[in-house]
Amino acid sequence: MGHDPLTADLERFVAERGRALLRVAILLTGSKESGEDLLQAGLERLLRHWRKIEGSPEAYLRKTLYHLAADGHRRQRAQRKGLSLLRAGDAAPAVDATTVVDRRDALVRLLLQLPPRQRAVIVLRYWEQLSEAEAAQTLGCSAGTVKSAASRGIARLRELSQAQPGSGFEFAEERQHEHRL
């Protein structure tokens, strides 16, 4: 069965980068199913514009995913654990699978309480490990906007984690500061 070159290129792209893109979509939406829906919507847009895209199709798709997520593709839970910014607090020496799932769920619940732009910035900066300039380019905004959204998002995550006793999270910066005192 012959495929046209456009379909073959897209299938090759999805085969090579699909898993990483799905992880990002899951983080942005909060669940595997919603992440799959978000990725599907992004791939549909990518396909419509495939021939017109200058540069990296992955960069185009990532930007599309972040914009779609900010426009209302919010979902309930994520499959990946931990922001490098957050550290499990008071962790027991041996952590069972249930505890890992509970912490992941608590983290995602905190993330889902952020406004879409702040959530996207936190995911880009701390999960994707993008620089401020790269995050700004991806979101189509200035580096200053990324800085302020990250600052507000981190402050809000702090407030939310303190307001939810037993969430199991404390900020690494706070823990380091306590050790210096």
Protein backbone atom coordinates (compact mmCIF):
# COMPACT_ATOMS: atom_id res chain seq x y z
CA MET A 1 0.00 0.00 0.00
CA GLY A 2 1.67 3.24 -1.13
CA HIS A 3 1.73 6.38 0.97
CA ASP A 4 2.19 9.84 -0.43
CA PRO A 5 5.46 11.51 0.61
CA LEU A 6 3.68 13.92 2.98
CA THR A 7 2.12 11.06 4.94
CA ALA A 8 5.40 9.12 4.99
CA ASP A 9 7.31 12.17 6.33
CA LEU A 10 4.71 12.80 9.04
CA GLU A 11 4.66 9.11 10.06
CA ARG A 12 8.46 9.10 10.30
CA PHE A 13 8.40 12.29 12.40
CA VAL A 14 5.77 10.87 14.78
CA ALA A 15 7.66 7.58 15.07
CA GLU A 16 10.86 9.42 15.99
CA ARG A 17 9.50 12.15 18.28
CA GLY A 18 6.02 11.01 19.28
CA ARG A 19 6.88 9.66 22.73
CA ALA A 20 8.64 12.81 23.88
CA LEU A 21 5.86 14.99 22.50
CA LEU A 22 3.22 12.84 24.18
CA ARG A 23 5.00 13.25 27.54
CA VAL A 24 4.88 17.03 27.15
CA ALA A 25 1.21 16.90 26.16
CA ILE A 26 0.43 14.75 29.19
CA LEU A 27 2.20 17.20 31.48
CA LEU A 28 0.32 20.11 29.99
CA THR A 29 -3.10 18.49 30.25
CA GLY A 30 -2.89 16.32 33.35
CA SER A 31 -3.81 12.90 31.96
CA LYS A 32 -2.68 10.43 29.35
CA GLU A 33 -6.02 10.49 27.55
CA SER A 34 -6.17 14.28 27.47
CA GLY A 35 -2.53 14.44 26.42
CA GLU A 36 -3.27 12.11 23.54
CA ASP A 37 -6.19 14.36 22.52
CA LEU A 38 -3.99 17.46 22.73
CA LEU A 39 -1.24 15.81 20.69
CA GLN A 40 -3.79 14.67 18.10
CA ALA A 41 -5.12 18.23 17.76
CA GLY A 42 -1.57 19.52 17.39
CA LEU A 43 -0.72 16.88 14.79
CA GLU A 44 -3.82 17.82 12.81
CA ARG A 45 -2.62 21.42 12.69
CA LEU A 46 0.88 20.27 11.83
CA LEU A 47 -0.44 18.20 8.95
CA ARG A 48 -2.45 21.13 7.58
CA HIS A 49 0.66 23.32 7.57
CA TRP A 50 3.35 20.68 6.94
CA ARG A 51 4.48 22.04 3.55
CA LYS A 52 4.55 25.66 4.77
CA ILE A 53 6.59 25.07 7.92
CA GLU A 54 10.01 26.68 7.80
CA GLY A 55 12.47 25.16 10.19
CA SER A 56 11.76 22.41 12.65
CA PRO A 57 8.35 20.72 12.55
CA GLU A 58 8.93 19.73 16.18
CA ALA A 59 9.32 23.36 17.25
CA TYR A 60 6.12 24.21 15.38
CA LEU A 61 4.27 21.33 17.05
CA ARG A 62 5.58 22.14 20.54
CA LYS A 63 4.49 25.75 20.18
CA THR A 64 1.08 24.55 18.96
CA LEU A 65 0.77 22.21 21.95
CA TYR A 66 1.54 24.98 24.44
CA HIS A 67 -0.92 27.33 22.80
CA LEU A 68 -3.68 24.71 22.62
CA ALA A 69 -3.10 23.83 26.27
CA ALA A 70 -3.25 27.49 27.27
CA ASP A 71 -6.49 27.85 25.30
CA GLY A 72 -8.33 25.33 27.43
CA HIS A 73 -7.03 21.80 27.06
CA ARG A 74 -6.75 21.46 30.84
CA ARG A 75 -7.05 17.96 32.25
CA GLN A 76 -7.01 16.02 35.55
CA ARG A 77 -3.70 14.20 36.12
CA ALA A 78 -0.23 13.54 34.68
CA GLN A 79 1.88 10.41 34.24
CA ARG A 80 5.32 11.78 34.87
CA LYS A 81 6.77 12.62 38.23
CA GLY A 82 8.36 15.63 39.76
CA LEU A 83 9.53 19.07 38.87
CA SER A 84 13.24 19.39 39.43
CA LEU A 85 12.26 22.55 41.30
CA LEU A 86 10.28 20.55 43.83
CA ARG A 87 11.71 17.94 46.11
CA ALA A 88 9.81 15.38 48.12
CA GLY A 89 9.78 16.52 51.72
CA ASP A 90 10.18 14.19 54.66
CA ALA A 91 10.42 11.17 52.38
CA ALA A 92 10.58 7.80 54.06
CA PRO A 93 13.70 5.74 53.29
CA ALA A 94 11.70 3.16 51.32
CA VAL A 95 8.96 4.58 49.11
CA ASP A 96 6.32 2.22 47.84
CA ALA A 97 4.57 2.56 44.47
CA THR A 98 1.43 3.95 46.07
CA THR A 99 3.39 6.80 47.64
CA VAL A 100 5.00 7.63 44.30
CA VAL A 101 1.59 7.78 42.62
CA ASP A 102 0.18 9.88 45.47
CA ARG A 103 3.03 12.38 45.22
CA ARG A 104 2.73 12.55 41.45
CA ASP A 105 -0.99 13.14 41.80
CA ALA A 106 -0.42 15.87 44.41
CA LEU A 107 2.13 17.58 42.17
CA VAL A 108 -0.14 17.52 39.16
CA ARG A 109 -3.05 18.84 41.22
CA LEU A 110 -0.85 21.76 42.25
CA LEU A 111 0.20 22.40 38.64
CA LEU A 112 -3.39 22.28 37.40
CA GLN A 113 -4.30 25.10 39.78
CA LEU A 114 -1.95 27.46 37.97
CA PRO A 115 -3.19 29.59 35.10
CA PRO A 116 -2.38 28.02 31.71
CA ARG A 117 0.45 30.46 30.87
CA GLN A 118 2.20 29.92 34.22
CA ARG A 119 1.78 26.15 33.90
CA ALA A 120 3.23 26.21 30.38
CA VAL A 121 6.21 28.27 31.55
CA ILE A 122 6.87 25.94 34.51
CA VAL A 123 6.69 22.87 32.24
CA LEU A 124 9.00 24.47 29.65
CA ARG A 125 11.55 25.78 32.12
CA TYR A 126 11.71 22.96 34.67
CA TRP A 127 10.50 19.84 32.90
CA GLU A 128 11.77 20.57 29.42
CA GLN A 129 14.83 22.41 30.82
CA LEU A 130 14.53 25.21 28.26
CA SER A 131 16.26 28.53 28.80
CA GLU A 132 14.19 31.66 29.27
CA ALA A 133 14.90 32.67 25.67
CA GLU A 134 13.91 29.24 24.31
CA ALA A 135 10.72 29.21 26.38
CA ALA A 136 9.89 32.73 25.19
CA GLN A 137 10.41 31.72 21.57
CA THR A 138 8.25 28.63 22.02
CA LEU A 139 5.43 30.60 23.62
CA GLY A 140 5.75 33.57 21.30
CA CYS A 141 6.39 36.09 24.07
CA SER A 142 9.30 38.01 25.57
CA ALA A 143 11.89 36.58 27.96
CA GLY A 144 10.61 39.06 30.55
CA THR A 145 7.13 37.54 30.27
CA VAL A 146 8.65 34.09 30.85
CA LYS A 147 10.56 35.37 33.89
CA SER A 148 7.52 36.99 35.46
CA ALA A 149 5.24 34.02 34.70
CA ALA A 150 7.82 31.63 36.19
CA SER A 151 8.21 33.81 39.28
CA ARG A 152 4.46 34.09 39.80
CA GLY A 153 3.98 30.37 39.08
CA ILE A 154 6.64 29.34 41.58
CA ALA A 155 5.21 31.68 44.21
CA ARG A 156 1.74 30.25 43.62
CA LEU A 157 3.03 26.65 43.82
CA ARG A 158 4.64 27.56 47.15
CA GLU A 159 1.36 28.96 48.46
CA LEU A 160 -0.62 25.98 47.24
CA SER A 161 1.83 23.41 48.64
CA GLN A 162 1.79 25.12 52.06
CA ALA A 163 -2.02 25.31 52.02
CA GLN A 164 -2.27 21.56 51.40
CA PRO A 165 -0.68 19.86 54.41
CA GLY A 166 0.63 16.43 53.64
CA SER A 167 1.16 17.16 49.94
CA GLY A 168 4.67 15.79 50.42
CA PHE A 169 6.37 18.67 48.64
CA GLU A 170 8.58 21.48 49.71
CA PHE A 171 10.61 23.73 47.50
CA ALA A 172 14.26 22.88 47.11
CA GLU A 173 15.18 26.55 47.51
CA GLU A 174 13.40 26.68 50.89
CA ARG A 175 15.05 23.50 52.08
CA GLN A 176 18.50 24.78 51.08
CA HIS A 177 17.79 28.09 52.81
CA GLU A 178 16.80 26.28 56.02
CA HIS A 179 20.10 24.37 56.01
CA ARG A 180 22.05 27.62 55.79
CA LEU A 181 20.36 29.07 58.89
